[in-house]
Protein backbone atom coordinates (compact mmCIF):
# COMPACT_ATOMS: atom_id res chain seq x y z
CA MET A 1 0.00 0.00 0.00
CA LYS A 2 1.31 3.41 -0.99
CA PHE A 3 0.48 4.99 2.39
CA ALA A 4 1.11 2.06 4.74
CA HIS A 5 4.52 3.05 6.11
CA VAL A 6 4.52 6.85 6.06
CA ARG A 7 6.81 8.49 8.59
CA ALA A 8 6.95 12.01 7.17
CA VAL A 9 4.74 14.30 5.13
CA LEU A 10 6.25 16.94 2.86
CA PHE A 11 4.08 19.80 1.67
CA ASP A 12 4.24 22.40 -1.03
CA LEU A 13 3.68 25.88 0.46
CA ASP A 14 1.59 28.27 -1.65
CA GLY A 15 -1.78 26.79 -2.52
CA THR A 16 -1.25 23.77 -0.29
CA LEU A 17 -0.54 25.07 3.22
CA ILE A 18 -1.01 28.82 2.89
CA ASP A 19 -3.28 31.08 0.91
CA SER A 20 -0.74 33.65 -0.26
CA ALA A 21 -2.72 34.65 -3.35
CA PRO A 22 -4.02 37.94 -1.88
CA ASP A 23 -0.51 39.28 -1.24
CA LEU A 24 0.93 37.92 -4.47
CA ALA A 25 -1.96 39.34 -6.46
CA TRP A 26 -1.61 42.73 -4.78
CA ALA A 27 2.07 42.84 -5.69
CA ALA A 28 1.32 41.82 -9.28
CA ASP A 29 -1.48 44.36 -9.55
CA GLN A 30 0.89 47.05 -8.32
CA LEU A 31 2.71 46.61 -11.63
CA ARG A 32 -0.49 47.81 -13.28
CA ARG A 33 -1.12 50.65 -10.84
CA THR A 34 2.33 52.16 -11.31
CA ARG A 35 1.70 52.15 -15.07
CA GLY A 36 -1.66 53.85 -14.83
CA LEU A 37 -3.67 50.71 -15.57
CA GLU A 38 -6.89 49.71 -13.87
CA PRO A 39 -6.56 47.10 -11.10
CA LEU A 40 -7.78 43.55 -11.68
CA PRO A 41 -9.68 41.36 -9.18
CA LEU A 42 -8.08 38.68 -7.05
CA ALA A 43 -10.03 36.02 -8.96
CA HIS A 44 -8.10 36.99 -12.09
CA TYR A 45 -4.75 36.31 -10.43
CA ARG A 46 -5.53 33.26 -8.27
CA PRO A 47 -5.18 30.61 -11.04
CA ALA A 48 -1.81 32.13 -12.02
CA VAL A 49 -0.21 31.90 -8.57
CA GLY A 50 1.05 28.35 -9.15
CA ALA A 51 3.22 29.61 -12.02
CA GLY A 52 5.07 32.03 -9.73
CA ALA A 53 6.37 35.40 -10.85
CA ARG A 54 6.19 34.36 -14.50
CA GLY A 55 2.49 33.58 -14.26
CA LEU A 56 1.60 36.60 -12.17
CA ILE A 57 3.45 39.08 -14.38
CA HIS A 58 1.73 37.60 -17.40
CA ALA A 59 -1.63 37.87 -15.63
CA ALA A 60 -0.93 41.50 -14.78
CA LEU A 61 0.60 42.79 -18.01
CA GLY A 62 0.37 39.99 -20.58
CA LEU A 63 4.16 39.80 -20.85
CA GLY A 64 6.30 36.66 -20.76
CA PRO A 65 9.99 35.88 -20.13
CA GLU A 66 10.81 36.60 -23.77
CA HIS A 67 9.96 40.28 -23.30
CA PRO A 68 13.07 42.49 -22.93
CA GLU A 69 11.66 44.14 -19.80
CA PHE A 70 10.70 40.90 -18.07
CA ASP A 71 13.73 40.65 -15.77
CA ALA A 72 13.25 44.23 -14.59
CA LEU A 73 9.55 43.54 -14.01
CA LYS A 74 10.39 40.43 -12.03
CA HIS A 75 12.72 42.35 -9.72
CA GLU A 76 10.09 45.07 -9.30
CA PHE A 77 7.50 42.45 -8.47
CA PHE A 78 9.81 40.73 -5.96
CA ASP A 79 10.61 43.99 -4.20
CA THR A 80 6.93 44.90 -3.96
CA TYR A 81 5.99 41.45 -2.72
CA GLN A 82 8.69 41.50 -0.07
CA GLY A 83 7.05 44.59 1.38
CA CYS A 84 3.57 43.07 1.60
CA MET A 85 4.02 39.31 1.93
CA HIS A 86 2.81 39.14 5.54
CA GLN A 87 -0.23 41.38 5.22
CA ARG A 88 -2.95 38.98 3.98
CA THR A 89 -1.31 35.54 3.86
CA GLN A 90 -2.63 32.88 6.21
CA ALA A 91 -2.95 29.12 6.49
CA PHE A 92 -5.81 27.50 4.64
CA GLU A 93 -8.73 26.31 6.71
CA GLN A 94 -8.03 22.85 8.24
CA VAL A 95 -4.26 23.09 7.79
CA ASN A 96 -3.52 23.72 11.46
CA GLU A 97 -5.72 20.79 12.47
CA THR A 98 -4.06 18.55 9.90
CA VAL A 99 -0.57 19.37 11.13
CA ALA A 100 -1.66 18.87 14.74
CA ALA A 101 -2.92 15.39 13.82
CA LEU A 102 0.38 14.51 12.12
CA LEU A 103 2.23 15.44 15.28
CA GLN A 104 -0.13 13.31 17.33
CA TYR A 105 0.63 10.41 15.00
CA GLY A 106 4.33 10.95 15.65
CA MET A 107 5.03 11.95 12.06
CA ALA A 108 7.55 14.53 10.95
CA TRP A 109 6.56 17.15 8.41
CA ALA A 110 8.35 19.70 6.26
CA VAL A 111 7.91 22.26 3.51
CA VAL A 112 9.31 21.93 0.00
CA THR A 113 8.47 24.91 -2.18
CA ASN A 114 9.73 26.56 -5.35
CA LYS A 115 9.38 29.90 -3.56
CA ILE A 116 12.94 31.13 -3.12
CA GLU A 117 14.37 31.30 0.39
CA ARG A 118 14.21 35.11 0.33
CA PHE A 119 10.45 34.74 0.75
CA ALA A 120 9.88 31.18 1.97
CA LEU A 121 11.99 31.49 5.12
CA PRO A 122 10.54 34.75 6.50
CA ILE A 123 6.96 33.76 5.69
CA THR A 124 7.25 30.43 7.46
CA ALA A 125 9.12 32.04 10.36
CA ALA A 126 6.28 34.53 10.83
CA LEU A 127 3.43 32.00 11.02
CA PRO A 128 3.12 29.91 14.23
CA LEU A 129 2.03 26.90 12.17
CA PHE A 130 5.59 26.30 10.97
CA ALA A 131 7.25 26.17 14.39
CA SER A 132 6.91 22.38 14.32
CA ALA A 133 8.13 21.91 10.73
CA GLY A 134 11.27 19.82 10.50
CA THR A 135 12.73 21.93 7.71
CA VAL A 136 11.83 24.41 4.97
CA ILE A 137 13.33 23.82 1.53
CA GLY A 138 13.09 26.73 -0.91
CA GLY A 139 13.34 26.83 -4.66
CA ASP A 140 17.01 27.80 -4.43
CA THR A 141 18.03 25.61 -1.47
CA THR A 142 19.30 22.93 -3.85
CA ALA A 143 20.73 23.23 -7.34
CA HIS A 144 17.40 22.34 -8.95
CA PRO A 145 13.81 23.41 -8.22
CA LYS A 146 10.80 21.14 -8.70
CA PRO A 147 9.94 19.14 -10.78
CA HIS A 148 13.48 17.90 -10.12
CA PRO A 149 13.46 15.55 -7.11
CA ALA A 150 16.49 17.18 -5.45
CA PRO A 151 14.54 19.49 -3.09
CA LEU A 152 12.34 16.63 -1.87
CA LEU A 153 15.32 14.35 -1.36
CA GLU A 154 17.08 17.07 0.62
CA ALA A 155 14.04 17.46 2.86
CA ALA A 156 13.93 13.72 3.47
CA ARG A 157 17.64 13.73 4.27
CA ARG A 158 17.23 16.54 6.79
CA LEU A 159 14.33 14.70 8.41
CA GLY A 160 16.34 11.48 8.55
CA CYS A 161 13.59 9.66 6.70
CA ALA A 162 13.90 7.39 3.66
CA PRO A 163 12.08 8.82 0.60
CA ALA A 164 9.95 5.66 0.41
CA HIS A 165 8.56 6.55 3.84
CA CYS A 166 7.62 10.09 2.80
CA ILE A 167 4.66 11.46 0.91
CA TYR A 168 4.49 14.75 -0.93
CA VAL A 169 1.38 16.91 -1.11
CA GLY A 170 1.06 19.71 -3.66
CA ASP A 171 -1.29 21.60 -5.95
CA ASP A 172 0.75 21.63 -9.15
CA ARG A 173 1.79 19.06 -11.75
CA ARG A 174 5.43 19.80 -10.90
CA ASP A 175 4.79 18.69 -7.33
CA ILE A 176 3.50 15.31 -8.39
CA GLU A 177 6.29 14.84 -10.92
CA ALA A 178 8.90 15.72 -8.28
CA GLY A 179 7.37 13.39 -5.73
CA ARG A 180 7.25 10.48 -8.15
CA ALA A 181 10.83 11.12 -9.26
CA ALA A 182 11.91 11.11 -5.60
CA GLY A 183 10.25 7.75 -5.00
CA MET A 184 7.53 9.16 -2.74
CA ALA A 185 3.78 8.63 -2.73
CA THR A 186 2.00 11.76 -3.94
CA VAL A 187 -1.21 13.58 -3.12
CA ALA A 188 -2.77 16.30 -5.28
CA ALA A 189 -4.32 19.21 -3.34
CA LEU A 190 -7.36 20.02 -5.47
CA TYR A 191 -8.24 23.05 -3.35
CA GLY A 192 -5.05 24.85 -4.41
CA TYR A 193 -4.03 27.19 -7.22
CA ILE A 194 -4.88 25.10 -10.24
CA GLY A 195 -4.90 26.86 -13.60
CA HIS A 196 -8.03 26.95 -15.73
CA ALA A 197 -6.48 24.74 -18.41
CA ASP A 198 -4.92 22.24 -16.01
CA ASP A 199 -6.50 18.89 -15.14
CA PRO A 200 -5.03 17.46 -11.91
CA HIS A 201 -6.54 14.07 -12.66
CA THR A 202 -3.93 13.69 -15.41
CA TRP A 203 -0.97 14.33 -13.10
CA GLY A 204 -0.59 10.72 -11.97
CA ALA A 205 -0.92 11.38 -8.22
CA ASP A 206 -1.56 8.42 -5.96
CA ALA A 207 -4.45 10.25 -4.29
CA ALA A 208 -6.27 13.58 -4.36
CA ILE A 209 -7.88 15.65 -1.63
CA HIS A 210 -10.46 18.43 -1.72
CA ALA A 211 -9.57 19.73 1.76
CA PRO A 212 -6.47 19.35 3.98
CA LEU A 213 -8.06 17.08 6.61
CA GLU A 214 -8.84 14.49 3.94
CA LEU A 215 -5.13 13.69 3.93
CA LEU A 216 -5.57 11.90 7.25
CA ASN A 217 -7.79 9.28 5.60
CA PHE A 218 -4.77 8.01 3.67
CA LEU A 219 -2.40 8.08 6.64
CA GLN A 220 -4.38 6.32 9.34
CA SER A 221 -3.65 2.86 7.92
CA GLY A 222 0.01 3.48 8.62
CA VAL A 223 -0.45 4.87 12.13
CA HIS A 224 0.15 2.46 14.99
């Protein structure tokens, strides 16, 4: 059984543990405001959050990495986001209860995100939820971000847990690909930031959940 001997749960961050879309969208929309453009609603930006700065800049201005001003826009976006990243971000409903249950089961847990350490470390340090996390791996902690398995393998190493005894939970195809490449069971978080054109049922995850607490249904068989 895929979930019979789980000793650690690794989570993606944005869209899986925390709802950071309001702050990310505000920073992206600031690109429009400073250029005299009308603001756009949060609902416009939410599906783009999973694609990071690239997706949010495209949602704001319709520009991609091939545009000559993209790098400058990315730095502008990062600087703006750094100034607002704690204002509206909070854990999704049921996340605190889910983590509390994992601790009761005696399981370790950790964060593996493509968010670079510049943002991932201060955000997780500011929220009480993450005080019990075994480690936080950012998109630049290892030489390769997801979908490469390196960040997940580094988290497992820091936790002292074999990859086969870990599961990875995330809301993006890259999360599932990284988990499978690392030899971990995978769970798709269907409540996360999934793009309009994306179908999580094609990702190849071992399970899918519509809310964080549903994860416990797959873990209880391995709890003694």
